[in-house]
Full PDB file with SEQRES, HELIX, SHEET, SSBOND, CRYST1, ORIGX, SCALE, CONECT and MASTER records, all heavy atoms in Angstrom:
SEQRES   1 A   30  ALA SER GLY GLY LEU MET LEU ASP ALA LEU ASP ILE LYS          
SEQRES   2 A   30  PRO GLY THR VAL ASP GLY GLU ASP LEU PHE LYS GLU PHE          
SEQRES   3 A   30  GLN LYS PHE GLY                                              
HELIX    1 AA1 MET A    6  ALA A    9  1                                   4    
HELIX    2 AA2 GLU A   20  LYS A   28  1                                   9    
CRYST1    1.000    1.000    1.000  90.00  90.00  90.00 P 1           1          
ORIGX1      1.000000  0.000000  0.000000        0.00000                         
ORIGX2      0.000000  1.000000  0.000000        0.00000                         
ORIGX3      0.000000  0.000000  1.000000        0.00000                         
SCALE1      1.000000  0.000000  0.000000        0.00000                         
SCALE2      0.000000  1.000000  0.000000        0.00000                         
SCALE3      0.000000  0.000000  1.000000        0.00000                         
ATOM      1  N   ALA A   1     -17.198   8.166  -9.070  1.00  0.00           N  
ATOM      2  CA  ALA A   1     -17.637   9.162  -7.974  1.00  0.00           C  
ATOM      3  C   ALA A   1     -16.615  10.140  -7.732  1.00  0.00           C  
ATOM      4  O   ALA A   1     -16.945  11.274  -7.397  1.00  0.00           O  
ATOM      5  CB  ALA A   1     -17.734   8.283  -6.683  1.00  0.00           C  
ATOM      6  N   SER A   2     -15.409   9.835  -8.007  1.00  0.00           N  
ATOM      7  CA  SER A   2     -14.255  10.997  -7.765  1.00  0.00           C  
ATOM      8  C   SER A   2     -13.257  10.916  -8.803  1.00  0.00           C  
ATOM      9  O   SER A   2     -12.940  12.131  -9.305  1.00  0.00           O  
ATOM     10  CB  SER A   2     -13.554  10.571  -6.469  1.00  0.00           C  
ATOM     11  OG  SER A   2     -12.565  11.415  -6.222  1.00  0.00           O  
ATOM     12  N   GLY A   3     -12.851   9.946  -9.282  1.00  0.00           N  
ATOM     13  CA  GLY A   3     -11.630   9.901 -10.361  1.00  0.00           C  
ATOM     14  C   GLY A   3     -10.309  10.427  -9.801  1.00  0.00           C  
ATOM     15  O   GLY A   3      -9.462  10.772 -10.585  1.00  0.00           O  
ATOM     16  N   GLY A   4     -10.201  10.376  -8.501  1.00  0.00           N  
ATOM     17  CA  GLY A   4      -9.031  10.847  -7.856  1.00  0.00           C  
ATOM     18  C   GLY A   4      -7.991   9.767  -7.683  1.00  0.00           C  
ATOM     19  O   GLY A   4      -7.874   8.810  -8.442  1.00  0.00           O  
ATOM     20  N   LEU A   5      -7.047  10.035  -6.668  1.00  0.00           N  
ATOM     21  CA  LEU A   5      -5.831   9.146  -6.438  1.00  0.00           C  
ATOM     22  C   LEU A   5      -5.915   8.476  -5.212  1.00  0.00           C  
ATOM     23  O   LEU A   5      -5.004   7.648  -4.792  1.00  0.00           O  
ATOM     24  CB  LEU A   5      -4.666  10.143  -6.255  1.00  0.00           C  
ATOM     25  CG  LEU A   5      -4.205  10.916  -7.656  1.00  0.00           C  
ATOM     26  CD1 LEU A   5      -3.251  11.976  -7.191  1.00  0.00           C  
ATOM     27  CD2 LEU A   5      -3.732  10.067  -8.679  1.00  0.00           C  
ATOM     28  N   MET A   6      -7.000   8.409  -4.427  1.00  0.00           N  
ATOM     29  CA  MET A   6      -7.263   7.733  -3.142  1.00  0.00           C  
ATOM     30  C   MET A   6      -6.829   6.302  -3.206  1.00  0.00           C  
ATOM     31  O   MET A   6      -6.085   5.843  -2.387  1.00  0.00           O  
ATOM     32  CB  MET A   6      -8.619   7.935  -2.519  1.00  0.00           C  
ATOM     33  CG  MET A   6      -8.827   7.275  -1.086  1.00  0.00           C  
ATOM     34  SD  MET A   6     -10.358   7.741  -0.439  1.00  0.00           S  
ATOM     35  CE  MET A   6     -11.536   6.992  -1.630  1.00  0.00           C  
ATOM     36  N   LEU A   7      -7.411   5.611  -4.116  1.00  0.00           N  
ATOM     37  CA  LEU A   7      -7.170   4.086  -4.149  1.00  0.00           C  
ATOM     38  C   LEU A   7      -5.645   3.707  -4.460  1.00  0.00           C  
ATOM     39  O   LEU A   7      -5.137   2.766  -4.031  1.00  0.00           O  
ATOM     40  CB  LEU A   7      -8.103   3.413  -5.263  1.00  0.00           C  
ATOM     41  CG  LEU A   7      -9.595   3.541  -5.008  1.00  0.00           C  
ATOM     42  CD1 LEU A   7     -10.337   2.671  -6.073  1.00  0.00           C  
ATOM     43  CD2 LEU A   7      -9.963   3.278  -3.589  1.00  0.00           C  
ATOM     44  N   ASP A   8      -5.031   4.610  -5.445  1.00  0.00           N  
ATOM     45  CA  ASP A   8      -3.662   4.415  -5.756  1.00  0.00           C  
ATOM     46  C   ASP A   8      -2.788   4.560  -4.488  1.00  0.00           C  
ATOM     47  O   ASP A   8      -1.934   3.795  -4.197  1.00  0.00           O  
ATOM     48  CB  ASP A   8      -3.285   5.444  -6.729  1.00  0.00           C  
ATOM     49  CG  ASP A   8      -3.814   5.270  -7.980  1.00  0.00           C  
ATOM     50  OD1 ASP A   8      -4.968   5.889  -8.301  1.00  0.00           O  
ATOM     51  OD2 ASP A   8      -3.375   4.615  -8.909  1.00  0.00           O  
ATOM     52  N   ALA A   9      -3.138   5.663  -3.674  1.00  0.00           N  
ATOM     53  CA  ALA A   9      -2.252   5.817  -2.486  1.00  0.00           C  
ATOM     54  C   ALA A   9      -2.594   4.800  -1.376  1.00  0.00           C  
ATOM     55  O   ALA A   9      -1.597   4.354  -0.834  1.00  0.00           O  
ATOM     56  CB  ALA A   9      -2.762   7.273  -1.791  1.00  0.00           C  
ATOM     57  N   LEU A  10      -3.791   4.233  -1.295  1.00  0.00           N  
ATOM     58  CA  LEU A  10      -4.037   3.288  -0.244  1.00  0.00           C  
ATOM     59  C   LEU A  10      -3.763   1.856  -0.701  1.00  0.00           C  
ATOM     60  O   LEU A  10      -4.019   0.921   0.134  1.00  0.00           O  
ATOM     61  CB  LEU A  10      -5.600   3.415   0.082  1.00  0.00           C  
ATOM     62  CG  LEU A  10      -6.102   4.667   0.887  1.00  0.00           C  
ATOM     63  CD1 LEU A  10      -7.567   4.557   1.036  1.00  0.00           C  
ATOM     64  CD2 LEU A  10      -5.243   4.990   1.962  1.00  0.00           C  
ATOM     65  N   ASP A  11      -3.236   1.653  -1.774  1.00  0.00           N  
ATOM     66  CA  ASP A  11      -2.880   0.270  -2.398  1.00  0.00           C  
ATOM     67  C   ASP A  11      -4.013  -0.675  -2.425  1.00  0.00           C  
ATOM     68  O   ASP A  11      -4.020  -1.739  -2.034  1.00  0.00           O  
ATOM     69  CB  ASP A  11      -1.768  -0.363  -1.556  1.00  0.00           C  
ATOM     70  CG  ASP A  11      -0.457   0.270  -1.857  1.00  0.00           C  
ATOM     71  OD1 ASP A  11      -0.302   0.763  -2.864  1.00  0.00           O  
ATOM     72  OD2 ASP A  11       0.430   0.122  -0.886  1.00  0.00           O  
ATOM     73  N   ILE A  12      -5.199  -0.079  -2.894  1.00  0.00           N  
ATOM     74  CA  ILE A  12      -6.345  -1.045  -3.065  1.00  0.00           C  
ATOM     75  C   ILE A  12      -6.980  -1.086  -4.336  1.00  0.00           C  
ATOM     76  O   ILE A  12      -8.078  -1.102  -4.616  1.00  0.00           O  
ATOM     77  CB  ILE A  12      -7.476  -0.737  -1.973  1.00  0.00           C  
ATOM     78  CG1 ILE A  12      -7.715   0.712  -1.880  1.00  0.00           C  
ATOM     79  CG2 ILE A  12      -7.087  -1.270  -0.638  1.00  0.00           C  
ATOM     80  CD1 ILE A  12      -8.923   1.077  -0.934  1.00  0.00           C  
ATOM     81  N   LYS A  13      -6.030  -0.831  -5.277  1.00  0.00           N  
ATOM     82  CA  LYS A  13      -6.525  -1.062  -6.782  1.00  0.00           C  
ATOM     83  C   LYS A  13      -6.185  -2.462  -7.260  1.00  0.00           C  
ATOM     84  O   LYS A  13      -5.307  -3.145  -6.626  1.00  0.00           O  
ATOM     85  CB  LYS A  13      -5.711  -0.049  -7.697  1.00  0.00           C  
ATOM     86  CG  LYS A  13      -6.155   1.375  -7.448  1.00  0.00           C  
ATOM     87  CD  LYS A  13      -5.572   2.275  -8.507  1.00  0.00           C  
ATOM     88  CE  LYS A  13      -6.354   2.147  -9.792  1.00  0.00           C  
ATOM     89  NZ  LYS A  13      -5.904   3.180 -10.792  1.00  0.00           N  
ATOM     90  N   PRO A  14      -6.936  -2.995  -8.279  1.00  0.00           N  
ATOM     91  CA  PRO A  14      -6.606  -4.290  -8.744  1.00  0.00           C  
ATOM     92  C   PRO A  14      -5.098  -4.404  -9.082  1.00  0.00           C  
ATOM     93  O   PRO A  14      -4.493  -3.629  -9.782  1.00  0.00           O  
ATOM     94  CB  PRO A  14      -7.464  -4.430 -10.083  1.00  0.00           C  
ATOM     95  CG  PRO A  14      -8.540  -3.386  -9.868  1.00  0.00           C  
ATOM     96  CD  PRO A  14      -7.964  -2.337  -9.080  1.00  0.00           C  
ATOM     97  N   GLY A  15      -4.646  -5.560  -8.655  1.00  0.00           N  
ATOM     98  CA  GLY A  15      -3.225  -5.956  -8.971  1.00  0.00           C  
ATOM     99  C   GLY A  15      -2.078  -5.452  -8.015  1.00  0.00           C  
ATOM    100  O   GLY A  15      -0.995  -5.717  -8.058  1.00  0.00           O  
ATOM    101  N   THR A  16      -2.653  -4.586  -7.120  1.00  0.00           N  
ATOM    102  CA  THR A  16      -1.656  -4.040  -6.104  1.00  0.00           C  
ATOM    103  C   THR A  16      -1.560  -5.037  -4.944  1.00  0.00           C  
ATOM    104  O   THR A  16      -2.517  -5.509  -4.353  1.00  0.00           O  
ATOM    105  CB  THR A  16      -2.020  -2.639  -5.615  1.00  0.00           C  
ATOM    106  OG1 THR A  16      -3.297  -2.696  -5.045  1.00  0.00           O  
ATOM    107  CG2 THR A  16      -1.880  -1.609  -6.733  1.00  0.00           C  
ATOM    108  N   VAL A  17      -0.341  -5.145  -4.446  1.00  0.00           N  
ATOM    109  CA  VAL A  17      -0.150  -5.970  -3.119  1.00  0.00           C  
ATOM    110  C   VAL A  17       0.805  -5.166  -2.214  1.00  0.00           C  
ATOM    111  O   VAL A  17       1.622  -4.498  -2.584  1.00  0.00           O  
ATOM    112  CB  VAL A  17       0.435  -7.280  -3.526  1.00  0.00           C  
ATOM    113  CG1 VAL A  17      -0.493  -8.147  -4.288  1.00  0.00           C  
ATOM    114  CG2 VAL A  17       1.788  -7.183  -4.343  1.00  0.00           C  
ATOM    115  N   ASP A  18       0.645  -5.576  -0.932  1.00  0.00           N  
ATOM    116  CA  ASP A  18       1.576  -4.988  -0.011  1.00  0.00           C  
ATOM    117  C   ASP A  18       2.856  -5.507  -0.172  1.00  0.00           C  
ATOM    118  O   ASP A  18       3.117  -6.725  -0.235  1.00  0.00           O  
ATOM    119  CB  ASP A  18       1.035  -5.263   1.357  1.00  0.00           C  
ATOM    120  CG  ASP A  18       0.121  -4.040   2.016  1.00  0.00           C  
ATOM    121  OD1 ASP A  18       0.027  -3.126   1.204  1.00  0.00           O  
ATOM    122  OD2 ASP A  18      -0.308  -4.169   3.180  1.00  0.00           O  
ATOM    123  N   GLY A  19       3.949  -4.743  -0.150  1.00  0.00           N  
ATOM    124  CA  GLY A  19       5.239  -5.166  -0.223  1.00  0.00           C  
ATOM    125  C   GLY A  19       5.828  -5.680   0.982  1.00  0.00           C  
ATOM    126  O   GLY A  19       5.594  -5.176   2.035  1.00  0.00           O  
ATOM    127  N   GLU A  20       6.498  -6.844   0.872  1.00  0.00           N  
ATOM    128  CA  GLU A  20       6.998  -7.543   2.043  1.00  0.00           C  
ATOM    129  C   GLU A  20       8.211  -6.637   2.608  1.00  0.00           C  
ATOM    130  O   GLU A  20       8.305  -6.606   3.930  1.00  0.00           O  
ATOM    131  CB  GLU A  20       7.690  -8.830   1.647  1.00  0.00           C  
ATOM    132  CG  GLU A  20       8.098  -9.788   2.702  1.00  0.00           C  
ATOM    133  CD  GLU A  20       6.907 -10.266   3.547  1.00  0.00           C  
ATOM    134  OE1 GLU A  20       5.847 -10.325   3.048  1.00  0.00           O  
ATOM    135  OE2 GLU A  20       7.229 -10.698   4.724  1.00  0.00           O  
ATOM    136  N   ASP A  21       8.854  -5.846   1.867  1.00  0.00           N  
ATOM    137  CA  ASP A  21       9.904  -5.045   2.428  1.00  0.00           C  
ATOM    138  C   ASP A  21       9.367  -3.981   3.416  1.00  0.00           C  
ATOM    139  O   ASP A  21      10.030  -3.687   4.408  1.00  0.00           O  
ATOM    140  CB  ASP A  21      10.663  -4.312   1.321  1.00  0.00           C  
ATOM    141  CG  ASP A  21      11.509  -5.347   0.453  1.00  0.00           C  
ATOM    142  OD1 ASP A  21      11.699  -6.373   0.975  1.00  0.00           O  
ATOM    143  OD2 ASP A  21      11.952  -4.896  -0.734  1.00  0.00           O  
ATOM    144  N   LEU A  22       8.209  -3.377   3.044  1.00  0.00           N  
ATOM    145  CA  LEU A  22       7.662  -2.434   3.855  1.00  0.00           C  
ATOM    146  C   LEU A  22       7.270  -3.141   5.375  1.00  0.00           C  
ATOM    147  O   LEU A  22       7.505  -2.476   6.344  1.00  0.00           O  
ATOM    148  CB  LEU A  22       6.475  -1.721   3.317  1.00  0.00           C  
ATOM    149  CG  LEU A  22       5.662  -0.654   4.072  1.00  0.00           C  
ATOM    150  CD1 LEU A  22       6.616   0.421   4.461  1.00  0.00           C  
ATOM    151  CD2 LEU A  22       4.499  -0.195   3.363  1.00  0.00           C  
ATOM    152  N   PHE A  23       6.639  -4.214   5.269  1.00  0.00           N  
ATOM    153  CA  PHE A  23       6.394  -4.879   6.485  1.00  0.00           C  
ATOM    154  C   PHE A  23       7.501  -5.241   7.356  1.00  0.00           C  
ATOM    155  O   PHE A  23       7.556  -4.982   8.538  1.00  0.00           O  
ATOM    156  CB  PHE A  23       5.621  -6.180   6.145  1.00  0.00           C  
ATOM    157  CG  PHE A  23       5.308  -7.152   7.383  1.00  0.00           C  
ATOM    158  CD1 PHE A  23       4.339  -6.831   8.267  1.00  0.00           C  
ATOM    159  CD2 PHE A  23       6.079  -8.220   7.461  1.00  0.00           C  
ATOM    160  CE1 PHE A  23       4.153  -7.584   9.292  1.00  0.00           C  
ATOM    161  CE2 PHE A  23       6.066  -9.077   8.606  1.00  0.00           C  
ATOM    162  CZ  PHE A  23       4.911  -8.866   9.486  1.00  0.00           C  
ATOM    163  N   LYS A  24       8.605  -5.555   6.627  1.00  0.00           N  
ATOM    164  CA  LYS A  24       9.869  -5.891   7.346  1.00  0.00           C  
ATOM    165  C   LYS A  24      10.547  -4.780   8.027  1.00  0.00           C  
ATOM    166  O   LYS A  24      11.031  -4.775   9.043  1.00  0.00           O  
ATOM    167  CB  LYS A  24      10.836  -6.652   6.355  1.00  0.00           C  
ATOM    168  CG  LYS A  24      10.545  -8.122   6.066  1.00  0.00           C  
ATOM    169  CD  LYS A  24      11.505  -8.689   5.172  1.00  0.00           C  
ATOM    170  CE  LYS A  24      11.137 -10.215   4.802  1.00  0.00           C  
ATOM    171  NZ  LYS A  24      12.131 -10.768   3.764  1.00  0.00           N  
ATOM    172  N   GLU A  25      10.367  -3.598   7.315  1.00  0.00           N  
ATOM    173  CA  GLU A  25      10.946  -2.290   7.765  1.00  0.00           C  
ATOM    174  C   GLU A  25      10.224  -1.960   9.078  1.00  0.00           C  
ATOM    175  O   GLU A  25      10.861  -1.436  10.092  1.00  0.00           O  
ATOM    176  CB  GLU A  25      10.891  -1.326   6.701  1.00  0.00           C  
ATOM    177  CG  GLU A  25      11.853   0.009   7.064  1.00  0.00           C  
ATOM    178  CD  GLU A  25      13.295  -0.377   7.037  1.00  0.00           C  
ATOM    179  OE1 GLU A  25      13.705  -1.282   6.322  1.00  0.00           O  
ATOM    180  OE2 GLU A  25      13.916   0.241   7.847  1.00  0.00           O  
ATOM    181  N   PHE A  26       8.923  -2.155   9.125  1.00  0.00           N  
ATOM    182  CA  PHE A  26       8.181  -1.783  10.395  1.00  0.00           C  
ATOM    183  C   PHE A  26       8.659  -2.707  11.423  1.00  0.00           C  
ATOM    184  O   PHE A  26       8.765  -2.328  12.643  1.00  0.00           O  
ATOM    185  CB  PHE A  26       6.638  -1.759  10.030  1.00  0.00           C  
ATOM    186  CG  PHE A  26       6.037  -0.698   9.588  1.00  0.00           C  
ATOM    187  CD1 PHE A  26       6.135  -0.067   8.332  1.00  0.00           C  
ATOM    188  CD2 PHE A  26       5.236   0.195  10.480  1.00  0.00           C  
ATOM    189  CE1 PHE A  26       5.576   0.957   7.928  1.00  0.00           C  
ATOM    190  CE2 PHE A  26       4.666   1.342  10.053  1.00  0.00           C  
ATOM    191  CZ  PHE A  26       4.850   1.791   8.765  1.00  0.00           C  
ATOM    192  N   GLN A  27       8.744  -4.008  11.157  1.00  0.00           N  
ATOM    193  CA  GLN A  27       8.993  -5.048  12.010  1.00  0.00           C  
ATOM    194  C   GLN A  27      10.397  -4.800  12.700  1.00  0.00           C  
ATOM    195  O   GLN A  27      10.685  -5.042  13.843  1.00  0.00           O  
ATOM    196  CB  GLN A  27       8.910  -6.446  11.335  1.00  0.00           C  
ATOM    197  CG  GLN A  27       8.772  -7.534  12.352  1.00  0.00           C  
ATOM    198  CD  GLN A  27       8.513  -8.867  11.577  1.00  0.00           C  
ATOM    199  OE1 GLN A  27       9.239  -9.140  10.635  1.00  0.00           O  
ATOM    200  NE2 GLN A  27       7.625  -9.572  12.018  1.00  0.00           N  
ATOM    201  N   LYS A  28      11.296  -4.338  11.853  1.00  0.00           N  
ATOM    202  CA  LYS A  28      12.715  -4.155  12.263  1.00  0.00           C  
ATOM    203  C   LYS A  28      12.870  -3.203  13.332  1.00  0.00           C  
ATOM    204  O   LYS A  28      13.736  -3.309  14.278  1.00  0.00           O  
ATOM    205  CB  LYS A  28      13.563  -3.699  10.994  1.00  0.00           C  
ATOM    206  CG  LYS A  28      15.001  -3.333  11.272  1.00  0.00           C  
ATOM    207  CD  LYS A  28      15.734  -2.866  10.038  1.00  0.00           C  
ATOM    208  CE  LYS A  28      17.067  -2.385  10.190  1.00  0.00           C  
ATOM    209  NZ  LYS A  28      17.630  -1.760   9.042  1.00  0.00           N  
ATOM    210  N   PHE A  29      11.998  -2.222  13.416  1.00  0.00           N  
ATOM    211  CA  PHE A  29      12.186  -1.198  14.481  1.00  0.00           C  
ATOM    212  C   PHE A  29      11.065  -1.382  15.576  1.00  0.00           C  
ATOM    213  O   PHE A  29      10.821  -0.623  16.385  1.00  0.00           O  
ATOM    214  CB  PHE A  29      12.036   0.219  13.934  1.00  0.00           C  
ATOM    215  CG  PHE A  29      13.193   0.573  13.194  1.00  0.00           C  
ATOM    216  CD1 PHE A  29      13.316   0.386  11.841  1.00  0.00           C  
ATOM    217  CD2 PHE A  29      14.220   1.260  13.778  1.00  0.00           C  
ATOM    218  CE1 PHE A  29      14.455   0.778  11.167  1.00  0.00           C  
ATOM    219  CE2 PHE A  29      15.317   1.663  13.152  1.00  0.00           C  
ATOM    220  CZ  PHE A  29      15.567   1.429  11.752  1.00  0.00           C  
ATOM    221  N   GLY A  30      10.413  -2.551  15.498  1.00  0.00           N  
ATOM    222  CA  GLY A  30       9.491  -2.880  16.520  1.00  0.00           C  
ATOM    223  C   GLY A  30       8.130  -2.257  16.351  1.00  0.00           C  
ATOM    224  O   GLY A  30       7.303  -2.104  17.380  1.00  0.00           O  
TER     225      GLY A  30                                                      
MASTER        0    0    0    2    0    0    0    6  224    1    0    3          
END                                                                             
């Protein structure tokens, strides 16, 4: 449909997972 970068940016390509460090960084500052 597009061939663009949207799925890469949104982390919803096969094999991508949300990093625990990013979650912790959000949590650290409330």
